Amino acid sequence: MLKYQITSEEFAQLEESQQGFYTQDGEVYQLAVEGIPQPDVDGLKRQRDELLAEKNAEQEKRRKAEEEIQRSEQERLAAEGNYKQLFESSQSATTEWQQKYQALQQQVEQSSINQTAIKLATDIADGPNAEILSEFVTRRLKLIDGQVRVTDASGNLTVSTVDQLKQEFTNDLRWSALIRGSQANGGGAANFRGSPTKEPKQMTAEERAEFAQRDPQGYQRALSSGQFSKY
């Protein structure tokens, strides 16, 4: 019985009369019989090529989709990085502004305290005496909620007013040598007599006040003769 397709070895073993029924197709031999459909090799190749093209197109589409996802993720991370940098920069600028504001606020508060202290001192003392006295008045004042308040010697808030503080300084014998109209009588300051430890022109405000308390008459002589230097 003849086969439809045989190898070249099988073809060599056939009788010559039988070999005439076969035609060679590549490395094999096929039975040349009319009415038997021959395989559509070109069609199969086209179908294979189409399937391969579809596979490649799908792979390319998937590759582009993955690249788009990766790109979007990188942009998101970059945006978050920029936001973090902007946030940190904003925080730094806010901190710097707060520091400047606090410094300015302290200057304003100190200016208000100094003005109140100078006004109080000039109400009860003159010239250099008022300057010295204002240094000590300042230590008894604080600015609370925009208002100058009076404290005790320890810095604790009191209910006293600035006028009451003025009266306190006026009546305190420790400051009698500085208060206007009280220098001549001595007011019990004799116990503080003595010689200054420095030349008057070298004294600080505190040392002047101590000198005035210790030796009111000597302080007045130095003041009258212009021995104190200006601040």
C-alpha atoms as a PDB file:
ATOM      1  CA  MET A   1       0.000   0.000   0.000  1.00  0.00           C
ATOM      2  CA  LEU A   2       1.395   3.329  -0.938  1.00  0.00           C
ATOM      3  CA  LYS A   3       1.717   6.079   1.684  1.00  0.00           C
ATOM      4  CA  TYR A   4       0.737   9.648   1.006  1.00  0.00           C
ATOM      5  CA  GLN A   5       4.081  10.986   2.307  1.00  0.00           C
ATOM      6  CA  ILE A   6       7.390   9.142   2.694  1.00  0.00           C
ATOM      7  CA  THR A   7      10.958   9.985   3.567  1.00  0.00           C
ATOM      8  CA  SER A   8      13.834   9.999   1.099  1.00  0.00           C
ATOM      9  CA  GLU A   9      15.056   6.630   2.509  1.00  0.00           C
ATOM     10  CA  GLU A  10      11.633   5.081   1.961  1.00  0.00           C
ATOM     11  CA  PHE A  11      11.504   6.603  -1.507  1.00  0.00           C
ATOM     12  CA  ALA A  12      14.869   4.918  -2.380  1.00  0.00           C
ATOM     13  CA  GLN A  13      13.501   1.490  -1.411  1.00  0.00           C
ATOM     14  CA  LEU A  14      10.521   1.750  -3.776  1.00  0.00           C
ATOM     15  CA  GLU A  15      10.530   0.146  -7.153  1.00  0.00           C
ATOM     16  CA  GLU A  16      11.123   2.512 -10.007  1.00  0.00           C
ATOM     17  CA  SER A  17       7.537   2.073 -11.222  1.00  0.00           C
ATOM     18  CA  GLN A  18       6.283   3.122  -7.803  1.00  0.00           C
ATOM     19  CA  GLN A  19       8.630   6.082  -7.496  1.00  0.00           C
ATOM     20  CA  GLY A  20       6.825   7.634 -10.453  1.00  0.00           C
ATOM     21  CA  PHE A  21       3.768   8.150  -8.304  1.00  0.00           C
ATOM     22  CA  TYR A  22       5.657  10.535  -5.955  1.00  0.00           C
ATOM     23  CA  THR A  23       6.858  14.068  -6.270  1.00  0.00           C
ATOM     24  CA  GLN A  24       9.544  15.592  -4.061  1.00  0.00           C
ATOM     25  CA  ASP A  25       8.580  18.359  -1.643  1.00  0.00           C
ATOM     26  CA  GLY A  26      11.635  19.465   0.216  1.00  0.00           C
ATOM     27  CA  GLU A  27      13.130  16.571   2.134  1.00  0.00           C
ATOM     28  CA  VAL A  28      10.044  14.381   1.756  1.00  0.00           C
ATOM     29  CA  TYR A  29       8.100  12.766  -1.106  1.00  0.00           C
ATOM     30  CA  GLN A  30       4.347  13.069  -1.496  1.00  0.00           C
ATOM     31  CA  LEU A  31       1.964  10.850  -3.438  1.00  0.00           C
ATOM     32  CA  ALA A  32       0.844  12.745  -6.541  1.00  0.00           C
ATOM     33  CA  VAL A  33      -2.831  11.826  -6.600  1.00  0.00           C
ATOM     34  CA  GLU A  34      -5.461  13.992  -8.218  1.00  0.00           C
ATOM     35  CA  GLY A  35      -8.428  15.003  -6.038  1.00  0.00           C
ATOM     36  CA  ILE A  36      -6.496  15.066  -2.754  1.00  0.00           C
ATOM     37  CA  PRO A  37      -6.239  18.624  -1.456  1.00  0.00           C
ATOM     38  CA  GLN A  38      -2.755  19.929  -0.992  1.00  0.00           C
ATOM     39  CA  PRO A  39      -1.913  21.875   2.169  1.00  0.00           C
ATOM     40  CA  ASP A  40      -1.981  25.725   1.771  1.00  0.00           C
ATOM     41  CA  VAL A  41       1.581  26.359   2.907  1.00  0.00           C
ATOM     42  CA  ASP A  42       1.474  30.036   2.002  1.00  0.00           C
ATOM     43  CA  GLY A  43      -1.794  30.458   3.913  1.00  0.00           C
ATOM     44  CA  LEU A  44      -0.319  28.779   6.953  1.00  0.00           C
ATOM     45  CA  LYS A  45       2.707  31.071   6.752  1.00  0.00           C
ATOM     46  CA  ARG A  46       0.474  34.117   6.504  1.00  0.00           C
ATOM     47  CA  GLN A  47      -1.541  32.989   9.485  1.00  0.00           C
ATOM     48  CA  ARG A  48       1.644  32.349  11.450  1.00  0.00           C
ATOM     49  CA  ASP A  49       2.976  35.802  10.552  1.00  0.00           C
ATOM     50  CA  GLU A  50      -0.307  37.436  11.552  1.00  0.00           C
ATOM     51  CA  LEU A  51      -0.298  35.685  14.932  1.00  0.00           C
ATOM     52  CA  LEU A  52       3.341  36.659  15.473  1.00  0.00           C
ATOM     53  CA  ALA A  53       2.585  40.293  14.536  1.00  0.00           C
ATOM     54  CA  GLU A  54      -0.350  40.350  16.960  1.00  0.00           C
ATOM     55  CA  LYS A  55       1.853  38.927  19.695  1.00  0.00           C
ATOM     56  CA  ASN A  56       4.563  41.515  19.060  1.00  0.00           C
ATOM     57  CA  ALA A  57       1.995  44.321  18.978  1.00  0.00           C
ATOM     58  CA  GLU A  58       0.538  43.143  22.295  1.00  0.00           C
ATOM     59  CA  GLN A  59       3.994  42.982  23.848  1.00  0.00           C
ATOM     60  CA  GLU A  60       4.809  46.490  22.581  1.00  0.00           C
ATOM     61  CA  LYS A  61       1.503  47.789  23.924  1.00  0.00           C
ATOM     62  CA  ARG A  62       2.215  46.219  27.316  1.00  0.00           C
ATOM     63  CA  ARG A  63       5.755  47.662  27.332  1.00  0.00           C
ATOM     64  CA  LYS A  64       4.479  51.186  26.627  1.00  0.00           C
ATOM     65  CA  ALA A  65       1.830  50.829  29.335  1.00  0.00           C
ATOM     66  CA  GLU A  66       4.472  49.796  31.874  1.00  0.00           C
ATOM     67  CA  GLU A  67       6.688  52.702  30.826  1.00  0.00           C
ATOM     68  CA  GLU A  68       3.750  55.115  31.241  1.00  0.00           C
ATOM     69  CA  ILE A  69       3.020  53.772  34.718  1.00  0.00           C
ATOM     70  CA  GLN A  70       6.675  54.108  35.652  1.00  0.00           C
ATOM     71  CA  ARG A  71       6.849  57.652  34.264  1.00  0.00           C
ATOM     72  CA  SER A  72       3.711  58.672  36.154  1.00  0.00           C
ATOM     73  CA  GLU A  73       5.135  57.251  39.368  1.00  0.00           C
ATOM     74  CA  GLN A  74       8.411  59.118  38.883  1.00  0.00           C
ATOM     75  CA  GLU A  75       6.523  62.366  38.263  1.00  0.00           C
ATOM     76  CA  ARG A  76       4.464  61.780  41.398  1.00  0.00           C
ATOM     77  CA  LEU A  77       7.570  61.140  43.486  1.00  0.00           C
ATOM     78  CA  ALA A  78       9.241  64.181  41.970  1.00  0.00           C
ATOM     79  CA  ALA A  79       6.183  66.296  42.769  1.00  0.00           C
ATOM     80  CA  GLU A  80       6.206  65.030  46.348  1.00  0.00           C
ATOM     81  CA  GLY A  81       9.902  65.828  46.552  1.00  0.00           C
ATOM     82  CA  ASN A  82       9.289  69.376  45.315  1.00  0.00           C
ATOM     83  CA  TYR A  83       6.443  69.791  47.775  1.00  0.00           C
ATOM     84  CA  LYS A  84       8.686  68.611  50.598  1.00  0.00           C
ATOM     85  CA  GLN A  85      11.355  71.090  49.578  1.00  0.00           C
ATOM     86  CA  LEU A  86       8.797  73.894  49.336  1.00  0.00           C
ATOM     87  CA  PHE A  87       7.362  72.913  52.700  1.00  0.00           C
ATOM     88  CA  GLU A  88      10.787  72.884  54.348  1.00  0.00           C
ATOM     89  CA  SER A  89      11.646  76.227  52.752  1.00  0.00           C
ATOM     90  CA  SER A  90       8.340  77.664  53.941  1.00  0.00           C
ATOM     91  CA  GLN A  91       8.952  76.364  57.448  1.00  0.00           C
ATOM     92  CA  SER A  92      12.426  77.934  57.481  1.00  0.00           C
ATOM     93  CA  ALA A  93      11.055  81.275  56.272  1.00  0.00           C
ATOM     94  CA  THR A  94       8.293  81.117  58.902  1.00  0.00           C
ATOM     95  CA  THR A  95      10.806  80.426  61.673  1.00  0.00           C
ATOM     96  CA  GLU A  96      13.010  83.292  60.511  1.00  0.00           C
ATOM     97  CA  TRP A  97      10.007  85.638  60.361  1.00  0.00           C
ATOM     98  CA  GLN A  98       8.896  84.584  63.844  1.00  0.00           C
ATOM     99  CA  GLN A  99      12.367  85.264  65.226  1.00  0.00           C
ATOM    100  CA  LYS A 100      12.445  88.712  63.638  1.00  0.00           C
ATOM    101  CA  TYR A 101       8.921  89.430  64.858  1.00  0.00           C
ATOM    102  CA  GLN A 102       9.786  88.365  68.403  1.00  0.00           C
ATOM    103  CA  ALA A 103      12.921  90.533  68.376  1.00  0.00           C
ATOM    104  CA  LEU A 104      10.883  93.503  67.124  1.00  0.00           C
ATOM    105  CA  GLN A 105       8.180  92.807  69.700  1.00  0.00           C
ATOM    106  CA  GLN A 106      10.789  92.795  72.458  1.00  0.00           C
ATOM    107  CA  GLN A 107      12.148  96.113  71.207  1.00  0.00           C
ATOM    108  CA  VAL A 108       8.660  97.626  71.202  1.00  0.00           C
ATOM    109  CA  GLU A 109       7.959  96.306  74.700  1.00  0.00           C
ATOM    110  CA  GLN A 110      11.289  97.574  76.034  1.00  0.00           C
ATOM    111  CA  SER A 111      10.697 100.947  74.392  1.00  0.00           C
ATOM    112  CA  SER A 112       7.311 101.245  76.111  1.00  0.00           C
ATOM    113  CA  ILE A 113       8.851 100.328  79.452  1.00  0.00           C
ATOM    114  CA  ASN A 114      11.746 102.762  78.989  1.00  0.00           C
ATOM    115  CA  GLN A 115       9.410 105.625  78.072  1.00  0.00           C
ATOM    116  CA  THR A 116       7.258 104.988  81.138  1.00  0.00           C
ATOM    117  CA  ALA A 117      10.333 104.752  83.382  1.00  0.00           C
ATOM    118  CA  ILE A 118      11.840 107.980  82.006  1.00  0.00           C
ATOM    119  CA  LYS A 119       8.553 109.848  82.422  1.00  0.00           C
ATOM    120  CA  LEU A 120       8.222 108.667  86.008  1.00  0.00           C
ATOM    121  CA  ALA A 121      11.834 109.561  86.806  1.00  0.00           C
ATOM    122  CA  THR A 122      11.679 113.031  85.241  1.00  0.00           C
ATOM    123  CA  ASP A 123       8.519 113.753  87.230  1.00  0.00           C
ATOM    124  CA  ILE A 124      10.462 113.424  90.505  1.00  0.00           C
ATOM    125  CA  ALA A 125      14.110 114.015  89.536  1.00  0.00           C
ATOM    126  CA  ASP A 126      16.204 116.184  87.241  1.00  0.00           C
ATOM    127  CA  GLY A 127      18.938 115.646  84.634  1.00  0.00           C
ATOM    128  CA  PRO A 128      21.431 112.880  85.478  1.00  0.00           C
ATOM    129  CA  ASN A 129      19.475 112.027  88.616  1.00  0.00           C
ATOM    130  CA  ALA A 130      16.452 111.199  86.495  1.00  0.00           C
ATOM    131  CA  GLU A 131      18.618 109.076  84.171  1.00  0.00           C
ATOM    132  CA  ILE A 132      19.962 107.084  87.107  1.00  0.00           C
ATOM    133  CA  LEU A 133      16.549 106.709  88.720  1.00  0.00           C
ATOM    134  CA  SER A 134      14.955 105.541  85.463  1.00  0.00           C
ATOM    135  CA  GLU A 135      17.375 102.590  85.353  1.00  0.00           C
ATOM    136  CA  PHE A 136      15.925 101.287  88.609  1.00  0.00           C
ATOM    137  CA  VAL A 137      12.337 102.144  87.734  1.00  0.00           C
ATOM    138  CA  THR A 138      12.687 100.047  84.566  1.00  0.00           C
ATOM    139  CA  ARG A 139      13.357  96.956  86.688  1.00  0.00           C
ATOM    140  CA  ARG A 140       9.966  97.391  88.323  1.00  0.00           C
ATOM    141  CA  LEU A 141       7.983  97.447  85.081  1.00  0.00           C
ATOM    142  CA  LYS A 142       6.664  94.813  82.653  1.00  0.00           C
ATOM    143  CA  LEU A 143       4.540  95.018  79.527  1.00  0.00           C
ATOM    144  CA  ILE A 144       1.518  92.702  79.812  1.00  0.00           C
ATOM    145  CA  ASP A 145      -1.116  92.585  77.057  1.00  0.00           C
ATOM    146  CA  GLY A 146       0.129  95.892  75.691  1.00  0.00           C
ATOM    147  CA  GLN A 147      -0.025  97.667  79.059  1.00  0.00           C
ATOM    148  CA  VAL A 148       2.840  98.649  81.345  1.00  0.00           C
ATOM    149  CA  ARG A 149       2.362  96.936  84.708  1.00  0.00           C
ATOM    150  CA  VAL A 150       4.186  97.372  88.024  1.00  0.00           C
ATOM    151  CA  THR A 151       6.082  94.519  89.685  1.00  0.00           C
ATOM    152  CA  ASP A 152       7.596  94.073  93.125  1.00  0.00           C
ATOM    153  CA  ALA A 153      11.343  93.897  93.767  1.00  0.00           C
ATOM    154  CA  SER A 154      11.298  90.174  92.833  1.00  0.00           C
ATOM    155  CA  GLY A 155       9.633  90.795  89.463  1.00  0.00           C
ATOM    156  CA  ASN A 156       6.177  89.541  90.441  1.00  0.00           C
ATOM    157  CA  LEU A 157       3.174  91.470  89.136  1.00  0.00           C
ATOM    158  CA  THR A 158       1.313  93.705  91.597  1.00  0.00           C
ATOM    159  CA  VAL A 159      -1.901  95.705  91.533  1.00  0.00           C
ATOM    160  CA  SER A 160       0.014  98.960  92.002  1.00  0.00           C
ATOM    161  CA  THR A 161      -0.238 101.689  89.377  1.00  0.00           C
ATOM    162  CA  VAL A 162       2.628 103.649  87.863  1.00  0.00           C
ATOM    163  CA  ASP A 163       1.612 106.658  89.990  1.00  0.00           C
ATOM    164  CA  GLN A 164       1.806 104.518  93.110  1.00  0.00           C
ATOM    165  CA  LEU A 165       5.252 103.321  92.043  1.00  0.00           C
ATOM    166  CA  LYS A 166       6.264 106.960  91.620  1.00  0.00           C
ATOM    167  CA  GLN A 167       5.116 107.690  95.155  1.00  0.00           C
ATOM    168  CA  GLU A 168       7.028 104.647  96.387  1.00  0.00           C
ATOM    169  CA  PHE A 169      10.288 105.932  94.878  1.00  0.00           C
ATOM    170  CA  THR A 170       9.598 109.449  96.190  1.00  0.00           C
ATOM    171  CA  ASN A 171       9.110 108.237  99.768  1.00  0.00           C
ATOM    172  CA  ASP A 172      11.942 105.696  99.780  1.00  0.00           C
ATOM    173  CA  LEU A 173      14.950 107.199 101.617  1.00  0.00           C
ATOM    174  CA  ARG A 174      17.301 105.126  99.503  1.00  0.00           C
ATOM    175  CA  TRP A 175      16.569 107.437  96.587  1.00  0.00           C
ATOM    176  CA  SER A 176      16.360 110.714  98.542  1.00  0.00           C
ATOM    177  CA  ALA A 177      19.635 111.998  97.098  1.00  0.00           C
ATOM    178  CA  LEU A 178      18.163 111.689  93.601  1.00  0.00           C
ATOM    179  CA  ILE A 179      14.667 113.020  94.241  1.00  0.00           C
ATOM    180  CA  ARG A 180      13.987 116.655  93.405  1.00  0.00           C
ATOM    181  CA  GLY A 181      13.788 118.930  96.505  1.00  0.00           C
ATOM    182  CA  SER A 182      14.962 116.290  98.978  1.00  0.00           C
ATOM    183  CA  GLN A 183      18.760 116.505  98.503  1.00  0.00           C
ATOM    184  CA  ALA A 184      19.400 119.361 100.943  1.00  0.00           C
ATOM    185  CA  ASN A 185      17.857 117.877 104.068  1.00  0.00           C
ATOM    186  CA  GLY A 186      19.844 114.690 104.047  1.00  0.00           C
ATOM    187  CA  GLY A 187      16.749 112.749 105.200  1.00  0.00           C
ATOM    188  CA  GLY A 188      18.601 110.239 107.355  1.00  0.00           C
ATOM    189  CA  ALA A 189      21.196 109.477 104.731  1.00  0.00           C
ATOM    190  CA  ALA A 190      24.100 110.334 107.050  1.00  0.00           C
ATOM    191  CA  ASN A 191      24.705 106.654 107.722  1.00  0.00           C
ATOM    192  CA  PHE A 192      25.751 106.236 104.054  1.00  0.00           C
ATOM    193  CA  ARG A 193      28.554 108.808 104.086  1.00  0.00           C
ATOM    194  CA  GLY A 194      31.906 107.777 102.720  1.00  0.00           C
ATOM    195  CA  SER A 195      34.180 108.163  99.725  1.00  0.00           C
ATOM    196  CA  PRO A 196      33.305 106.761  96.270  1.00  0.00           C
ATOM    197  CA  THR A 197      35.353 103.784  95.127  1.00  0.00           C
ATOM    198  CA  LYS A 198      35.668 105.246  91.600  1.00  0.00           C
ATOM    199  CA  GLU A 199      36.011 108.605  89.990  1.00  0.00           C
ATOM    200  CA  PRO A 200      32.496 109.962  89.277  1.00  0.00           C
ATOM    201  CA  LYS A 201      33.100 110.027  85.536  1.00  0.00           C
ATOM    202  CA  GLN A 202      33.894 106.285  85.604  1.00  0.00           C
ATOM    203  CA  MET A 203      30.728 105.237  87.453  1.00  0.00           C
ATOM    204  CA  THR A 204      27.894 103.261  85.951  1.00  0.00           C
ATOM    205  CA  ALA A 205      24.264 104.134  86.613  1.00  0.00           C
ATOM    206  CA  GLU A 206      24.095 101.615  89.461  1.00  0.00           C
ATOM    207  CA  GLU A 207      27.304 102.940  90.993  1.00  0.00           C
ATOM    208  CA  ARG A 208      25.967 106.505  90.797  1.00  0.00           C
ATOM    209  CA  ALA A 209      22.807 105.449  92.592  1.00  0.00           C
ATOM    210  CA  GLU A 210      24.855 103.659  95.255  1.00  0.00           C
ATOM    211  CA  PHE A 211      27.062 106.760  95.610  1.00  0.00           C
ATOM    212  CA  ALA A 212      23.980 108.956  95.990  1.00  0.00           C
ATOM    213  CA  GLN A 213      22.635 106.657  98.699  1.00  0.00           C
ATOM    214  CA  ARG A 214      25.953 106.342 100.492  1.00  0.00           C
ATOM    215  CA  ASP A 215      26.994 109.991 100.352  1.00  0.00           C
ATOM    216  CA  PRO A 216      24.199 112.336  99.233  1.00  0.00           C
ATOM    217  CA  GLN A 217      26.229 115.512  99.846  1.00  0.00           C
ATOM    218  CA  GLY A 218      29.299 114.160  98.055  1.00  0.00           C
ATOM    219  CA  TYR A 219      27.089 113.058  95.173  1.00  0.00           C
ATOM    220  CA  GLN A 220      25.564 116.541  94.901  1.00  0.00           C
ATOM    221  CA  ARG A 221      28.994 118.168  94.896  1.00  0.00           C
ATOM    222  CA  ALA A 222      30.153 115.850  92.083  1.00  0.00           C
ATOM    223  CA  LEU A 223      26.936 116.477  90.184  1.00  0.00           C
ATOM    224  CA  SER A 224      27.173 120.275  90.572  1.00  0.00           C
ATOM    225  CA  SER A 225      30.794 120.361  89.450  1.00  0.00           C
ATOM    226  CA  GLY A 226      30.039 118.302  86.316  1.00  0.00           C
ATOM    227  CA  GLN A 227      32.206 115.337  87.304  1.00  0.00           C
ATOM    228  CA  PHE A 228      29.754 112.749  85.954  1.00  0.00           C
ATOM    229  CA  SER A 229      30.064 111.764  82.313  1.00  0.00           C
ATOM    230  CA  LYS A 230      26.999 111.422  80.135  1.00  0.00           C
ATOM    231  CA  TYR A 231      25.765 107.903  79.181  1.00  0.00           C
END
